[in-house]
């Protein structure tokens, strides 16, 4: 039988060169539609699939390759005499190479004017069928869904034949490719139907990079990007300089971006081990960084610093005075980059769009547990001063309301149990990850020292007892914000009234585990 390759691609990157290489090796090329036209235009002889099947493409191209003469040619086992006799009887030639990529479903649905009909029309049927058929018959057929593999396949063919290990690898890529494609379709349809948690849950990701190791050196790791990514995402960061990102770098940077996304005002966020160690809002990045640094000049060492405004040379000069793992910003001045270049190992990331808050309402948080997966909507809630409920006799001032809003934005992104003290738009004390709330309060107050006097306190969950109010009063805290909802709320309210502390209830808890 003749050596045959079927080429039918939506993305035609590299297909002309691949077809020329196959032709030179004696392959007959079968093709369809736009691919056939591109091959013909480039002087490459090819046979239309419709000439093989004896059946024209129909239904606006919906039916082209769905035919026994195609699928039998792909699926027949060359080592099975009965299969080969059947092909001979039915006058069907084997197909030895299948290069197919699919209708641009992802590219279609990300268009702002995409209709449901547009999306459905870009669901490929024949392509996945051919890919899966060729992958199933991997021992006899090389299936290619990635143009990056064209060169390797041609090289091995030139050397006598495609290695079985190569075919198995191509098989894996093929089934992964169709699985991601189907996941994108399922997720799109679920979003269109308003189904947040379907009975069968799948998600689609593409590998961004292998990591040297995971959270610890004895663990392996990799970083994957959403198959349909946001432009303002960590996966789309441009690394301007510095060493390769590690698992912990990426995890901490993700936490920094989550917290940074709380602020419209110019802000600086310093993160260490996924917890904030200094956060500030100010008129300039320089002022914001100075305040965030002063909040905890010890913990920031070896941390990550993120901005939602352009970093200039004066800010860069301060950043280079200590050891930092990563700096993140939407942009940098030329002079700033020249200053940062003095520390070549410092990772400098540019992420477009950080100046504006990114909508995360449709994002999901995932957590693997033994034998399953916990899935929840991202904590994307916002709180406005108009929603606050003042429960004490003394009312917070307008300035205190602003400060309480800032404090609650920070505590939302601090590991539970969490207490945060802030003053003048910057954190002064953080208590995080404690197994009881009073320990978190004591930690935050001890951290703040004299700065606790005149500060406000935020708690990620309600006060079960009045003890947090007691220690807050002794430290000089002037206002408290918490969700409320304890059966003993009145105890805390009465103590605040006794000590002249304003207390605001938000009505919304923000556990972060």
Protein backbone atom coordinates (compact mmCIF):
# COMPACT_ATOMS: atom_id res chain seq x y z
CA UNK A 1 0.00 0.00 0.00
CA UNK A 2 1.03 3.58 -0.57
CA UNK A 3 2.42 5.66 2.28
CA UNK A 4 -0.21 8.27 3.04
CA UNK A 5 -0.48 11.27 5.33
CA UNK A 6 -3.68 13.13 6.08
CA UNK A 7 -3.17 16.84 6.76
CA UNK A 8 -6.16 18.91 7.87
CA UNK A 9 -5.30 21.87 10.07
CA UNK A 10 -6.95 25.05 11.24
CA UNK A 11 -3.61 26.51 12.38
CA UNK A 12 -1.37 26.15 9.35
CA UNK A 13 1.90 27.01 11.10
CA UNK A 14 4.65 24.83 9.59
CA UNK A 15 2.28 22.70 7.53
CA UNK A 16 3.79 23.63 4.15
CA UNK A 17 7.30 22.63 5.24
CA UNK A 18 5.96 19.45 6.82
CA UNK A 19 4.07 18.52 3.66
CA UNK A 20 7.16 19.14 1.52
CA UNK A 21 9.18 16.89 3.80
CA UNK A 22 6.60 14.11 3.63
CA UNK A 23 6.35 14.38 -0.15
CA UNK A 24 10.12 14.07 -0.43
CA UNK A 25 9.87 10.84 1.58
CA UNK A 26 7.35 9.42 -0.89
CA UNK A 27 4.13 10.11 1.02
CA UNK A 28 0.87 10.80 -0.77
CA UNK A 29 -0.85 13.76 0.86
CA UNK A 30 -4.58 13.74 1.59
CA UNK A 31 -6.17 16.99 2.61
CA UNK A 32 -9.37 19.00 3.01
CA UNK A 33 -10.72 22.49 2.43
CA UNK A 34 -8.40 25.33 3.39
CA UNK A 35 -5.43 23.07 3.99
CA UNK A 36 -5.74 21.59 0.49
CA UNK A 37 -5.95 25.10 -0.98
CA UNK A 38 -2.81 26.19 0.92
CA UNK A 39 -0.89 23.12 -0.24
CA UNK A 40 -1.95 23.57 -3.85
CA UNK A 41 -1.04 27.25 -3.73
CA UNK A 42 2.44 26.27 -2.62
CA UNK A 43 2.85 23.71 -5.40
CA UNK A 44 2.42 20.63 -3.20
CA UNK A 45 0.48 17.81 -4.82
CA UNK A 46 -2.41 16.58 -2.72
CA UNK A 47 -5.54 14.53 -3.01
CA UNK A 48 -8.82 15.88 -1.70
CA UNK A 49 -10.42 13.61 0.88
CA UNK A 50 -13.64 13.82 -1.12
CA UNK A 51 -11.83 12.18 -4.04
CA UNK A 52 -10.95 9.25 -1.77
CA UNK A 53 -14.37 8.88 -0.18
CA UNK A 54 -16.29 9.54 -3.37
CA UNK A 55 -18.50 11.81 -1.31
CA UNK A 56 -18.33 15.60 -1.41
CA UNK A 57 -17.85 17.78 1.62
CA UNK A 58 -21.31 18.86 2.71
CA UNK A 59 -23.34 20.76 5.29
CA UNK A 60 -21.06 23.80 5.09
CA UNK A 61 -18.03 21.61 5.80
CA UNK A 62 -19.55 19.91 8.85
CA UNK A 63 -19.03 16.55 7.15
CA UNK A 64 -15.68 15.99 5.43
CA UNK A 65 -13.65 13.18 6.94
CA UNK A 66 -16.37 11.22 8.74
CA UNK A 67 -16.23 8.26 6.35
CA UNK A 68 -15.17 4.56 6.56
CA UNK A 69 -12.52 5.03 3.89
CA UNK A 70 -10.78 7.52 6.15
CA UNK A 71 -11.32 5.96 9.55
CA UNK A 72 -10.67 2.39 8.38
CA UNK A 73 -7.42 3.59 6.83
CA UNK A 74 -6.44 5.06 10.18
CA UNK A 75 -7.72 2.38 12.55
CA UNK A 76 -6.67 -0.78 10.74
CA UNK A 77 -4.07 -2.86 12.54
CA UNK A 78 -1.28 -3.57 10.11
CA UNK A 79 -0.31 -6.70 12.06
CA UNK A 80 -3.84 -8.14 11.76
CA UNK A 81 -4.20 -10.12 8.51
CA UNK A 82 -7.98 -9.94 8.65
CA UNK A 83 -7.87 -6.14 8.88
CA UNK A 84 -5.56 -5.94 5.89
CA UNK A 85 -7.69 -8.33 3.81
CA UNK A 86 -10.71 -6.19 4.63
CA UNK A 87 -8.93 -3.05 3.44
CA UNK A 88 -7.91 -4.77 0.23
CA UNK A 89 -11.45 -6.01 -0.37
CA UNK A 90 -12.92 -2.54 0.23
CA UNK A 91 -10.14 -0.83 -1.74
CA UNK A 92 -9.07 1.26 1.24
CA UNK A 93 -5.49 2.48 1.63
CA UNK A 94 -3.87 2.82 5.04
CA UNK A 95 -3.13 6.28 6.45
CA UNK A 96 0.17 6.39 8.31
CA UNK A 97 0.47 10.00 9.46
CA UNK A 98 -2.37 12.21 10.69
CA UNK A 99 -1.67 15.90 11.33
CA UNK A 100 -4.79 17.63 12.61
CA UNK A 101 -5.51 20.62 14.81
CA UNK A 102 -8.95 21.77 15.69
CA UNK A 103 -11.41 24.53 14.95
CA UNK A 104 -10.45 27.66 16.91
CA UNK A 105 -13.01 27.29 19.69
CA UNK A 106 -10.94 29.17 22.27
CA UNK A 107 -10.13 31.99 19.88
CA UNK A 108 -13.83 32.27 19.03
CA UNK A 109 -15.26 32.46 22.55
CA UNK A 110 -12.79 35.08 23.78
CA UNK A 111 -14.00 37.51 21.14
CA UNK A 112 -16.19 40.15 22.79
CA UNK A 113 -18.93 39.82 20.16
CA UNK A 114 -19.03 36.01 20.15
CA UNK A 115 -22.56 34.62 20.06
CA UNK A 116 -23.64 31.21 21.30
CA UNK A 117 -24.18 30.20 17.68
CA UNK A 118 -20.62 31.25 16.78
CA UNK A 119 -19.27 29.13 19.62
CA UNK A 120 -21.28 26.05 18.67
CA UNK A 121 -20.28 26.30 15.02
CA UNK A 122 -16.63 26.22 16.11
CA UNK A 123 -16.99 22.91 17.94
CA UNK A 124 -14.93 20.50 15.86
CA UNK A 125 -16.35 17.01 15.26
CA UNK A 126 -14.33 15.37 12.51
CA UNK A 127 -11.00 16.60 13.84
CA UNK A 128 -11.25 15.04 17.32
CA UNK A 129 -12.56 11.82 15.72
CA UNK A 130 -9.49 11.53 13.51
CA UNK A 131 -7.11 12.46 16.31
CA UNK A 132 -8.57 9.89 18.69
CA UNK A 133 -8.63 7.20 16.01
CA UNK A 134 -4.99 7.82 15.08
CA UNK A 135 -3.95 7.97 18.73
CA UNK A 136 -5.70 4.68 19.49
CA UNK A 137 -3.76 3.07 16.65
CA UNK A 138 -0.50 4.66 17.80
CA UNK A 139 1.67 1.67 16.86
CA UNK A 140 0.83 2.09 13.18
CA UNK A 141 -0.06 5.78 12.90
CA UNK A 142 1.79 8.92 13.97
CA UNK A 143 -0.69 11.55 15.17
CA UNK A 144 0.41 15.18 15.35
CA UNK A 145 -1.59 17.94 17.02
CA UNK A 146 1.34 20.29 17.63
CA UNK A 147 3.40 21.84 14.84
CA UNK A 148 6.43 21.71 17.16
CA UNK A 149 6.52 17.93 16.51
CA UNK A 150 6.68 18.16 12.70
CA UNK A 151 10.47 18.44 12.59
CA UNK A 152 11.10 15.49 14.93
CA UNK A 153 8.78 13.22 12.97
CA UNK A 154 10.43 14.13 9.67
CA UNK A 155 13.85 13.56 11.20
CA UNK A 156 12.92 10.08 12.43
CA UNK A 157 11.23 9.19 9.14
CA UNK A 158 14.43 10.18 7.37
CA UNK A 159 16.36 7.92 9.74
CA UNK A 160 14.28 4.87 8.91
CA UNK A 161 11.04 5.21 10.84
CA UNK A 162 9.27 6.82 13.75
CA UNK A 163 10.29 5.31 17.09
CA UNK A 164 7.57 3.59 19.12
CA UNK A 165 8.36 5.81 22.13
CA UNK A 166 7.84 8.85 19.93
CA UNK A 167 4.49 7.50 18.77
CA UNK A 168 3.44 6.88 22.39
CA UNK A 169 4.39 10.44 23.28
CA UNK A 170 2.38 11.75 20.34
CA UNK A 171 -0.53 9.59 21.50
CA UNK A 172 -0.39 11.19 24.95
CA UNK A 173 -0.32 14.67 23.45
CA UNK A 174 -3.26 13.81 21.21
CA UNK A 175 -5.57 12.60 23.97
CA UNK A 176 -4.50 15.49 26.24
CA UNK A 177 -5.26 17.89 23.41
CA UNK A 178 -8.78 16.61 22.81
CA UNK A 179 -9.43 16.43 26.57
CA UNK A 180 -8.53 20.10 27.01
CA UNK A 181 -10.61 21.00 23.95
CA UNK A 182 -13.65 19.18 25.32
CA UNK A 183 -13.11 20.72 28.77
CA UNK A 184 -13.15 24.20 27.28
CA UNK A 185 -16.41 23.41 25.51
CA UNK A 186 -17.97 21.93 28.66
CA UNK A 187 -16.90 24.90 30.79
CA UNK A 188 -18.23 27.37 28.22
CA UNK A 189 -21.58 25.59 28.05
CA UNK A 190 -21.78 25.48 31.86
CA UNK A 191 -21.14 29.22 32.04
CA UNK A 192 -23.78 29.87 29.41
CA UNK A 193 -26.28 27.73 31.33
CA UNK A 194 -25.42 29.35 34.67
CA UNK A 195 -24.22 26.04 36.11
CA UNK A 196 -21.47 26.75 38.64
CA UNK A 197 -20.89 23.20 39.79
CA UNK A 198 -21.72 20.59 37.12
CA UNK A 199 -22.14 16.93 38.01
CA UNK A 200 -18.93 16.11 36.18
CA UNK A 201 -16.19 18.68 36.72
CA UNK A 202 -13.29 19.31 34.36
CA UNK A 203 -10.89 22.18 33.86
CA UNK A 204 -8.46 22.94 31.07
CA UNK A 205 -4.86 24.09 31.60
CA UNK A 206 -1.73 24.30 29.48
CA UNK A 207 1.72 23.83 30.95
CA UNK A 208 3.55 27.12 31.27
CA UNK A 209 6.79 25.72 32.63
CA UNK A 210 8.42 22.89 34.51
CA UNK A 211 9.74 23.91 37.92
CA UNK A 212 13.04 22.86 39.44
CA UNK A 213 11.07 21.49 42.40
CA UNK A 214 7.86 22.05 44.34
CA UNK A 215 7.29 23.60 47.75
CA UNK A 216 10.34 21.69 49.00
CA UNK A 217 13.34 20.35 47.09
CA UNK A 218 12.17 16.73 47.40
CA UNK A 219 8.86 17.56 45.66
CA UNK A 220 8.40 17.88 41.90
CA UNK A 221 6.39 20.71 40.40
CA UNK A 222 5.09 22.49 37.31
CA UNK A 223 3.15 25.68 36.56
CA UNK A 224 0.01 25.54 34.40
CA UNK A 225 -1.90 28.37 32.79
CA UNK A 226 -5.66 28.56 32.30
CA UNK A 227 -6.43 27.39 28.78
CA UNK A 228 -8.39 30.63 28.39
CA UNK A 229 -6.18 33.01 30.41
CA UNK A 230 -6.81 36.52 31.65
CA UNK A 231 -4.41 39.09 30.25
CA UNK A 232 -3.79 40.47 33.77
CA UNK A 233 -2.59 37.16 35.13
CA UNK A 234 0.54 35.80 36.70
CA UNK A 235 0.80 33.28 33.89
CA UNK A 236 1.03 36.16 31.41
CA UNK A 237 3.74 37.99 33.37
CA UNK A 238 6.75 39.14 31.37
CA UNK A 239 9.94 38.43 33.31
CA UNK A 240 12.30 41.29 32.58
CA UNK A 241 15.24 39.94 34.55
CA UNK A 242 16.26 37.54 37.28
CA UNK A 243 16.41 33.84 38.06
CA UNK A 244 13.79 31.31 37.07
CA UNK A 245 10.60 31.46 39.13
CA UNK A 246 10.15 28.73 41.72
CA UNK A 247 6.99 27.07 43.03
CA UNK A 248 7.05 29.22 46.17
CA UNK A 249 7.75 32.36 44.13
CA UNK A 250 4.67 31.76 42.02
CA UNK A 251 2.49 30.86 45.00
CA UNK A 252 3.53 33.97 46.95
CA UNK A 253 3.20 36.18 43.87
CA UNK A 254 -0.35 34.89 43.44
CA UNK A 255 -1.15 35.94 46.99
CA UNK A 256 0.36 39.37 46.37
CA UNK A 257 -1.79 39.89 43.28
CA UNK A 258 -4.96 38.79 45.10
CA UNK A 259 -4.38 41.39 47.81
CA UNK A 260 -3.24 44.09 45.39
CA UNK A 261 -6.49 43.62 43.50
CA UNK A 262 -8.40 45.01 46.49
CA UNK A 263 -7.20 48.55 45.86
CA UNK A 264 -8.05 51.27 43.38
CA UNK A 265 -5.63 53.67 45.08
CA UNK A 266 -1.87 53.47 44.57
CA UNK A 267 -0.80 50.52 46.70
CA UNK A 268 2.20 48.43 47.64
CA UNK A 269 1.91 44.89 48.97
CA UNK A 270 4.77 42.95 50.58
CA UNK A 271 4.25 39.19 50.94
CA UNK A 272 6.20 36.51 52.80
CA UNK A 273 5.15 32.86 52.82
CA UNK A 274 1.79 33.79 51.23
CA UNK A 275 0.94 36.19 54.10
CA UNK A 276 1.10 39.97 53.93
CA UNK A 277 3.92 41.44 56.00
CA UNK A 278 3.46 45.06 54.93
CA UNK A 279 0.69 46.78 53.00
CA UNK A 280 0.17 50.48 52.35
CA UNK A 281 -1.74 52.90 50.16
CA UNK A 282 -0.29 56.31 49.35
CA UNK A 283 -0.11 58.96 46.65
CA UNK A 284 3.00 57.49 45.01
CA UNK A 285 4.64 54.06 44.72
CA UNK A 286 7.66 55.46 46.57
CA UNK A 287 5.55 56.53 49.53
CA UNK A 288 3.55 53.30 49.48
CA UNK A 289 6.68 51.14 49.47
CA UNK A 290 8.32 53.19 52.22
CA UNK A 291 5.25 52.70 54.42
CA UNK A 292 4.97 48.98 53.62
CA UNK A 293 8.64 48.53 54.42
CA UNK A 294 8.33 50.38 57.72
CA UNK A 295 5.41 48.13 58.67
CA UNK A 296 7.81 45.19 59.04
CA UNK A 297 11.41 45.79 57.93
CA UNK A 298 12.40 42.35 59.23
CA UNK A 299 9.86 40.05 57.53
CA UNK A 300 10.05 41.78 54.17
CA UNK A 301 13.59 40.44 53.75
CA UNK A 302 13.42 37.74 51.08
CA UNK A 303 9.82 38.62 50.29
CA UNK A 304 7.80 39.72 47.27
CA UNK A 305 6.77 43.32 46.62
CA UNK A 306 3.94 44.20 44.23
CA UNK A 307 2.71 47.56 42.96
CA UNK A 308 -0.34 48.65 41.00
CA UNK A 309 1.45 51.71 39.59
CA UNK A 310 4.59 52.33 37.53
CA UNK A 311 7.86 51.86 39.43
CA UNK A 312 10.28 54.76 38.99
CA UNK A 313 14.01 54.99 39.64
CA UNK A 314 13.68 56.41 43.17
CA UNK A 315 11.43 53.52 44.20
CA UNK A 316 13.76 51.06 42.47
CA UNK A 317 16.72 52.45 44.39
CA UNK A 318 14.99 51.70 47.70
CA UNK A 319 13.97 48.24 46.52
CA UNK A 320 17.59 47.31 45.80
CA UNK A 321 18.74 48.16 49.33
CA UNK A 322 17.43 44.85 50.69
CA UNK A 323 17.20 41.28 49.43
CA UNK A 324 13.89 40.66 47.67
CA UNK A 325 12.83 37.64 45.65
CA UNK A 326 10.44 39.34 43.22
CA UNK A 327 9.16 42.77 42.25
CA UNK A 328 5.86 42.99 40.37
CA UNK A 329 4.41 46.07 38.68
CA UNK A 330 2.35 46.98 35.61
CA UNK A 331 5.31 48.93 34.21
CA UNK A 332 8.73 50.36 34.99
CA UNK A 333 10.50 53.48 33.80
CA UNK A 334 13.65 52.97 31.77
CA UNK A 335 15.67 54.46 34.61
CA UNK A 336 14.07 52.09 37.12
CA UNK A 337 15.09 49.06 35.06
CA UNK A 338 18.65 50.36 34.89
CA UNK A 339 18.72 50.60 38.69
CA UNK A 340 17.21 47.14 39.17
CA UNK A 341 19.69 45.63 36.70
CA UNK A 342 22.37 46.09 39.37
CA UNK A 343 20.79 43.03 41.05
CA UNK A 344 20.69 40.54 38.16
CA UNK A 345 19.24 37.70 40.27
CA UNK A 346 16.26 39.81 41.36
CA UNK A 347 13.16 38.64 39.52
CA UNK A 348 11.38 41.60 37.92
CA UNK A 349 7.90 40.88 36.54
CA UNK A 350 5.72 43.11 34.40
CA UNK A 351 1.99 42.32 34.39
CA UNK A 352 -0.31 44.42 32.24
CA UNK A 353 -3.50 45.80 33.71
CA UNK A 354 -2.59 45.90 37.40
CA UNK A 355 -3.59 49.56 37.54
CA UNK A 356 -7.21 48.43 37.41
CA UNK A 357 -8.98 45.92 39.61
CA UNK A 358 -9.57 42.63 37.83
CA UNK A 359 -12.99 41.00 38.07
CA UNK A 360 -12.56 37.60 39.74
CA UNK A 361 -16.22 36.80 40.39
CA UNK A 362 -16.24 33.85 38.00
CA UNK A 363 -12.93 32.39 39.16
CA UNK A 364 -12.81 29.18 41.18
CA UNK A 365 -10.54 28.21 44.05
CA UNK A 366 -9.44 24.57 44.04
CA UNK A 367 -8.01 22.52 46.87
CA UNK A 368 -6.97 18.90 46.52
CA UNK A 369 -7.87 16.58 49.40
CA UNK A 370 -7.42 12.85 49.74
CA UNK A 371 -9.66 11.23 47.17
CA UNK A 372 -11.30 14.41 45.97
CA UNK A 373 -11.29 18.09 45.13
CA UNK A 374 -12.84 21.00 46.99
CA UNK A 375 -14.15 23.68 44.64
CA UNK A 376 -15.48 27.08 45.63
CA UNK A 377 -16.06 30.48 44.13
CA UNK A 378 -13.22 32.91 44.72
CA UNK A 379 -13.74 35.28 47.65
CA UNK A 380 -14.48 38.21 45.38
CA UNK A 381 -16.80 40.12 47.69
CA UNK A 382 -16.34 43.84 48.11
CA UNK A 383 -17.44 45.96 51.03
CA UNK A 384 -18.38 49.60 51.06
CA UNK A 385 -18.69 51.95 53.98
CA UNK A 386 -22.41 52.19 53.23
CA UNK A 387 -22.74 48.49 54.10
CA UNK A 388 -21.08 48.82 57.50
CA UNK A 389 -23.27 48.49 60.57
CA UNK A 390 -22.09 50.57 63.51
CA UNK A 391 -23.08 48.63 66.65
CA UNK A 392 -21.54 50.82 69.36
CA UNK A 393 -22.66 54.09 70.88
CA UNK A 394 -19.54 55.86 69.65
CA UNK A 395 -19.47 56.27 65.88
CA UNK A 396 -16.30 55.97 63.81
CA UNK A 397 -15.13 59.14 62.12
CA UNK A 398 -14.97 59.40 58.34
CA UNK A 399 -11.21 58.90 58.51
CA UNK A 400 -11.66 55.82 60.69
CA UNK A 401 -14.18 54.39 58.24
CA UNK A 402 -11.60 54.73 55.48
CA UNK A 403 -9.00 53.06 57.69
CA UNK A 404 -11.38 50.24 58.65
CA UNK A 405 -12.09 49.56 54.98
CA UNK A 406 -8.36 49.32 54.30
CA UNK A 407 -7.78 47.07 57.31
CA UNK A 408 -10.58 44.71 56.34
CA UNK A 409 -9.21 44.45 52.79
CA UNK A 410 -5.89 43.28 54.24
CA UNK A 411 -7.28 40.84 56.81
CA UNK A 412 -9.31 39.20 54.05
CA UNK A 413 -6.02 37.97 52.56
CA UNK A 414 -4.31 37.00 55.82
CA UNK A 415 -4.29 33.36 56.94
CA UNK A 416 -6.88 32.55 59.61
CA UNK A 417 -7.21 33.10 62.44
CA UNK A 418 -6.24 36.63 61.49
CA UNK A 419 -6.09 40.05 63.17
CA UNK A 420 -4.69 43.12 61.41
CA UNK A 421 -3.90 46.54 62.86
CA UNK A 422 -3.53 49.52 60.53
CA UNK A 423 -2.93 53.23 60.91
CA UNK A 424 -2.61 56.03 58.35
CA UNK A 425 -3.17 53.68 55.41
CA UNK A 426 -0.53 51.12 56.33
CA UNK A 427 -0.37 47.92 58.32
CA UNK A 428 1.33 48.20 61.70
CA UNK A 429 0.60 44.77 63.15
CA UNK A 430 -0.40 41.42 61.69
CA UNK A 431 -1.40 38.25 63.51
CA UNK A 432 -1.90 35.34 61.13
CA UNK A 433 -2.43 31.60 61.08
CA UNK A 434 -3.17 31.24 64.79
CA UNK A 435 -5.36 28.50 66.23
CA UNK A 436 -7.31 30.96 68.34
CA UNK A 437 -8.27 34.57 67.86
CA UNK A 438 -6.76 36.01 71.03
CA UNK A 439 -3.35 34.68 70.05
CA UNK A 440 -3.73 36.39 66.67
CA UNK A 441 -4.71 39.64 68.45
CA UNK A 442 -1.77 39.43 70.83
CA UNK A 443 0.61 38.72 67.95
CA UNK A 444 -0.63 41.72 65.97
CA UNK A 445 -0.42 44.02 68.98
CA UNK A 446 3.05 42.81 69.93
CA UNK A 447 4.16 43.32 66.33
CA UNK A 448 2.74 46.84 66.27
CA UNK A 449 4.29 47.94 69.55
CA UNK A 450 3.75 51.65 70.14
CA UNK A 451 2.16 51.95 66.70
CA UNK A 452 -0.88 50.11 68.03
CA UNK A 453 -1.91 53.29 69.83
CA UNK A 454 -4.45 55.08 67.62
CA UNK A 455 -4.76 52.18 65.19
CA UNK A 456 -7.83 50.27 64.01
CA UNK A 457 -8.28 46.51 64.28
CA UNK A 458 -9.75 44.12 61.72
CA UNK A 459 -10.72 40.50 62.38
CA UNK A 460 -11.48 37.97 59.65
CA UNK A 461 -14.19 36.32 61.78
CA UNK A 462 -16.34 37.24 64.75
CA UNK A 463 -15.06 37.60 68.33
CA UNK A 464 -16.27 34.57 70.32
CA UNK A 465 -15.44 36.39 73.54
CA UNK A 466 -14.65 39.89 74.70
CA UNK A 467 -10.96 39.16 75.27
CA UNK A 468 -9.87 40.67 71.93
CA UNK A 469 -11.57 43.95 72.85
CA UNK A 470 -9.79 43.92 76.21
CA UNK A 471 -6.32 43.61 74.66
CA UNK A 472 -7.24 46.10 71.92
CA UNK A 473 -8.20 48.69 74.54
CA UNK A 474 -4.95 48.21 76.45
CA UNK A 475 -2.98 48.72 73.22
CA UNK A 476 -4.82 51.94 72.33
CA UNK A 477 -6.93 50.64 69.40
CA UNK A 478 -9.63 53.21 68.55
CA UNK A 479 -11.96 51.28 66.22
CA UNK A 480 -12.67 47.66 65.34
CA UNK A 481 -14.17 46.02 62.28
CA UNK A 482 -15.37 42.43 62.34
CA UNK A 483 -18.11 40.30 60.72
CA UNK A 484 -20.27 39.89 63.84
CA UNK A 485 -22.57 36.92 64.26
CA UNK A 486 -21.41 35.43 67.55
CA UNK A 487 -24.01 34.53 70.19
CA UNK A 488 -21.80 36.62 72.47
CA UNK A 489 -21.57 39.70 70.24
CA UNK A 490 -23.15 41.83 72.93
CA UNK A 491 -20.25 41.14 75.29
CA UNK A 492 -17.82 42.67 72.79
CA UNK A 493 -20.18 45.58 72.04
CA UNK A 494 -20.61 46.40 75.74
CA UNK A 495 -16.85 46.39 76.29
CA UNK A 496 -16.34 48.70 73.30
CA UNK A 497 -18.95 51.08 74.75
CA UNK A 498 -17.20 50.91 78.11
CA UNK A 499 -13.82 51.79 76.61
CA UNK A 500 -15.00 54.27 73.96
CA UNK A 501 -14.03 52.11 71.01
CA UNK A 502 -16.11 52.27 67.84
CA UNK A 503 -17.11 48.87 66.45
CA UNK A 504 -18.42 48.10 62.98
CA UNK A 505 -20.00 44.85 61.81
CA UNK A 506 -19.56 43.82 58.18
CA UNK A 507 -21.77 40.72 58.25
CA UNK A 508 -19.34 38.75 56.10
CA UNK A 509 -16.61 36.38 57.28
CA UNK A 510 -13.32 35.95 55.41
CA UNK A 511 -11.67 32.73 56.53
CA UNK A 512 -8.53 31.94 54.56
CA UNK A 513 -6.98 28.51 55.14
